[in-house]
C-alpha atoms as a PDB file:
ATOM      1  CA  UNK A   1      99.751 140.655 126.744  1.00  0.00           C
ATOM      2  CA  UNK A   2     101.707 143.003 128.899  1.00  0.00           C
ATOM      3  CA  UNK A   3     103.075 143.068 132.463  1.00  0.00           C
ATOM      4  CA  UNK A   4     104.229 146.316 133.997  1.00  0.00           C
ATOM      5  CA  UNK A   5     106.288 147.153 137.046  1.00  0.00           C
ATOM      6  CA  UNK A   6     106.746 150.669 138.446  1.00  0.00           C
ATOM      7  CA  UNK A   7     109.654 151.852 140.526  1.00  0.00           C
ATOM      8  CA  UNK A   8     111.315 155.090 141.690  1.00  0.00           C
ATOM      9  CA  UNK A   9     108.902 156.338 144.350  1.00  0.00           C
ATOM     10  CA  UNK A  10     109.894 157.649 147.683  1.00  0.00           C
ATOM     11  CA  UNK A  11     110.029 160.830 149.789  1.00  0.00           C
ATOM     12  CA  UNK A  12     110.700 164.136 147.966  1.00  0.00           C
ATOM     13  CA  UNK A  13     110.832 167.586 149.372  1.00  0.00           C
ATOM     14  CA  UNK A  14     108.458 170.272 147.983  1.00  0.00           C
ATOM     15  CA  UNK A  15     110.063 171.728 144.904  1.00  0.00           C
ATOM     16  CA  UNK A  16     112.101 168.658 144.288  1.00  0.00           C
ATOM     17  CA  UNK A  17     112.297 166.262 141.418  1.00  0.00           C
ATOM     18  CA  UNK A  18     111.964 162.526 140.883  1.00  0.00           C
ATOM     19  CA  UNK A  19     111.825 159.960 138.044  1.00  0.00           C
ATOM     20  CA  UNK A  20     109.488 157.026 137.937  1.00  0.00           C
ATOM     21  CA  UNK A  21     110.127 154.051 135.734  1.00  0.00           C
ATOM     22  CA  UNK A  22     107.664 151.506 134.193  1.00  0.00           C
ATOM     23  CA  UNK A  23     109.343 148.338 133.007  1.00  0.00           C
ATOM     24  CA  UNK A  24     107.338 146.095 130.621  1.00  0.00           C
ATOM     25  CA  UNK A  25     107.429 142.388 129.889  1.00  0.00           C
ATOM     26  CA  UNK A  26     105.790 141.721 126.546  1.00  0.00           C
ATOM     27  CA  UNK A  27     105.291 143.710 123.313  1.00  0.00           C
ATOM     28  CA  UNK A  28     105.598 147.149 124.911  1.00  0.00           C
ATOM     29  CA  UNK A  29     105.939 148.880 121.469  1.00  0.00           C
ATOM     30  CA  UNK A  30     102.386 147.812 120.664  1.00  0.00           C
ATOM     31  CA  UNK A  31     100.948 149.833 123.486  1.00  0.00           C
ATOM     32  CA  UNK A  32     100.489 153.383 124.578  1.00  0.00           C
ATOM     33  CA  UNK A  33     101.682 153.961 128.182  1.00  0.00           C
ATOM     34  CA  UNK A  34      99.718 156.091 130.636  1.00  0.00           C
ATOM     35  CA  UNK A  35     100.658 157.364 134.093  1.00  0.00           C
ATOM     36  CA  UNK A  36      97.841 157.626 136.675  1.00  0.00           C
ATOM     37  CA  UNK A  37      97.772 158.481 140.364  1.00  0.00           C
ATOM     38  CA  UNK A  38      95.594 158.016 143.360  1.00  0.00           C
ATOM     39  CA  UNK A  39      95.832 160.281 146.403  1.00  0.00           C
ATOM     40  CA  UNK A  40      94.585 159.127 149.786  1.00  0.00           C
ATOM     41  CA  UNK A  41      90.762 159.307 149.876  1.00  0.00           C
ATOM     42  CA  UNK A  42      90.494 160.224 146.164  1.00  0.00           C
ATOM     43  CA  UNK A  43      89.785 158.511 142.899  1.00  0.00           C
ATOM     44  CA  UNK A  44      92.511 157.506 140.473  1.00  0.00           C
ATOM     45  CA  UNK A  45      93.065 160.096 137.838  1.00  0.00           C
ATOM     46  CA  UNK A  46      95.220 160.401 134.755  1.00  0.00           C
ATOM     47  CA  UNK A  47      98.545 162.197 134.753  1.00  0.00           C
ATOM     48  CA  UNK A  48      99.497 161.841 131.174  1.00  0.00           C
ATOM     49  CA  UNK A  49     100.261 159.364 128.428  1.00  0.00           C
ATOM     50  CA  UNK A  50     102.444 158.647 125.418  1.00  0.00           C
ATOM     51  CA  UNK A  51     101.686 156.677 122.303  1.00  0.00           C
ATOM     52  CA  UNK A  52     103.358 153.469 121.347  1.00  0.00           C
ATOM     53  CA  UNK A  53     106.022 155.182 119.149  1.00  0.00           C
ATOM     54  CA  UNK A  54     106.693 158.027 121.484  1.00  0.00           C
ATOM     55  CA  UNK A  55     105.401 160.561 118.985  1.00  0.00           C
ATOM     56  CA  UNK A  56     102.456 161.970 120.907  1.00  0.00           C
ATOM     57  CA  UNK A  57     101.982 162.923 124.544  1.00  0.00           C
ATOM     58  CA  UNK A  58      99.183 164.303 126.563  1.00  0.00           C
ATOM     59  CA  UNK A  59      99.111 165.704 130.147  1.00  0.00           C
ATOM     60  CA  UNK A  60      96.630 166.688 132.773  1.00  0.00           C
ATOM     61  CA  UNK A  61      96.478 170.401 133.303  1.00  0.00           C
ATOM     62  CA  UNK A  62      97.682 170.088 136.875  1.00  0.00           C
ATOM     63  CA  UNK A  63     101.119 168.711 135.748  1.00  0.00           C
ATOM     64  CA  UNK A  64     101.711 170.547 132.452  1.00  0.00           C
ATOM     65  CA  UNK A  65     105.063 172.156 132.478  1.00  0.00           C
ATOM     66  CA  UNK A  66     106.224 170.131 135.471  1.00  0.00           C
ATOM     67  CA  UNK A  67     106.036 166.483 134.368  1.00  0.00           C
ATOM     68  CA  UNK A  68     107.371 164.823 131.267  1.00  0.00           C
ATOM     69  CA  UNK A  69     106.582 161.343 129.904  1.00  0.00           C
ATOM     70  CA  UNK A  70     109.063 159.511 127.716  1.00  0.00           C
ATOM     71  CA  UNK A  71     109.825 155.957 126.647  1.00  0.00           C
ATOM     72  CA  UNK A  72     112.613 153.764 125.373  1.00  0.00           C
ATOM     73  CA  UNK A  73     111.176 150.794 123.597  1.00  0.00           C
ATOM     74  CA  UNK A  74     114.569 149.114 123.235  1.00  0.00           C
ATOM     75  CA  UNK A  75     114.708 149.004 127.049  1.00  0.00           C
ATOM     76  CA  UNK A  76     110.981 148.282 127.321  1.00  0.00           C
ATOM     77  CA  UNK A  77     110.800 151.178 129.812  1.00  0.00           C
ATOM     78  CA  UNK A  78     108.578 154.224 130.102  1.00  0.00           C
ATOM     79  CA  UNK A  79     109.440 157.166 132.384  1.00  0.00           C
ATOM     80  CA  UNK A  80     107.670 159.897 134.281  1.00  0.00           C
ATOM     81  CA  UNK A  81     109.986 162.886 135.052  1.00  0.00           C
ATOM     82  CA  UNK A  82     108.517 165.019 137.786  1.00  0.00           C
ATOM     83  CA  UNK A  83     109.793 168.414 138.872  1.00  0.00           C
ATOM     84  CA  UNK A  84     108.514 171.292 140.995  1.00  0.00           C
ATOM     85  CA  UNK A  85     106.739 168.706 143.152  1.00  0.00           C
ATOM     86  CA  UNK A  86     104.039 169.921 145.499  1.00  0.00           C
ATOM     87  CA  UNK A  87     102.418 168.177 148.510  1.00  0.00           C
ATOM     88  CA  UNK A  88      99.297 167.631 146.409  1.00  0.00           C
ATOM     89  CA  UNK A  89     101.263 165.439 144.092  1.00  0.00           C
ATOM     90  CA  UNK A  90     101.496 162.819 146.855  1.00  0.00           C
ATOM     91  CA  UNK A  91      99.853 159.682 145.638  1.00  0.00           C
ATOM     92  CA  UNK A  92     100.392 156.147 144.465  1.00  0.00           C
ATOM     93  CA  UNK A  93     101.498 156.355 140.913  1.00  0.00           C
ATOM     94  CA  UNK A  94     100.516 153.603 138.431  1.00  0.00           C
ATOM     95  CA  UNK A  95     101.497 152.947 134.788  1.00  0.00           C
ATOM     96  CA  UNK A  96      99.034 151.337 132.406  1.00  0.00           C
ATOM     97  CA  UNK A  97      99.147 150.023 128.865  1.00  0.00           C
ATOM     98  CA  UNK A  98      96.448 150.361 126.239  1.00  0.00           C
ATOM     99  CA  UNK A  99      95.409 152.121 123.006  1.00  0.00           C
ATOM    100  CA  UNK A 100      96.355 155.820 122.884  1.00  0.00           C
ATOM    101  CA  UNK A 101      93.715 158.525 122.967  1.00  0.00           C
ATOM    102  CA  UNK A 102      94.137 162.174 123.724  1.00  0.00           C
ATOM    103  CA  UNK A 103      92.242 161.837 127.012  1.00  0.00           C
ATOM    104  CA  UNK A 104      94.496 158.991 128.273  1.00  0.00           C
ATOM    105  CA  UNK A 105      91.294 157.022 128.778  1.00  0.00           C
ATOM    106  CA  UNK A 106      92.651 153.546 128.724  1.00  0.00           C
ATOM    107  CA  UNK A 107      94.010 150.919 131.039  1.00  0.00           C
ATOM    108  CA  UNK A 108      93.995 147.304 129.809  1.00  0.00           C
ATOM    109  CA  UNK A 109      97.184 146.393 131.805  1.00  0.00           C
ATOM    110  CA  UNK A 110      98.257 147.849 135.113  1.00  0.00           C
ATOM    111  CA  UNK A 111     101.229 147.890 137.271  1.00  0.00           C
ATOM    112  CA  UNK A 112     101.307 147.500 141.056  1.00  0.00           C
ATOM    113  CA  UNK A 113     101.959 151.191 141.809  1.00  0.00           C
ATOM    114  CA  UNK A 114     104.739 153.112 143.498  1.00  0.00           C
ATOM    115  CA  UNK A 115     104.248 155.604 146.354  1.00  0.00           C
ATOM    116  CA  UNK A 116     105.402 159.176 145.917  1.00  0.00           C
ATOM    117  CA  UNK A 117     105.275 161.347 149.043  1.00  0.00           C
ATOM    118  CA  UNK A 118     106.021 165.076 148.798  1.00  0.00           C
ATOM    119  CA  UNK A 119     106.724 166.471 152.293  1.00  0.00           C
ATOM    120  CA  UNK A 120     109.289 168.492 154.183  1.00  0.00           C
END
């Protein structure tokens, strides 16, 4: 069982950076953590994910080189570091827990989401 809460969203200027956090209650180290986003009028898509030990990561092509996923199991927190933000990154960002796969195709447990708006 896992409960997840995202935070860190807000307004960021194009080209700026932000860090999102995903705090877990439960056995976080048993779960891979994925980050997903849903832009207005679009389906939710995967951003990237990290396995339960923090040994493997995978990213969507659209964010490679700009976003980094990490985790600190002692703090029961996963992070999404975002840089070089673009207006098309505007979305509600969600974290999810599940079993790792290279496609980040999992989501047994979901947080409530946090809004990231990239605008001047």
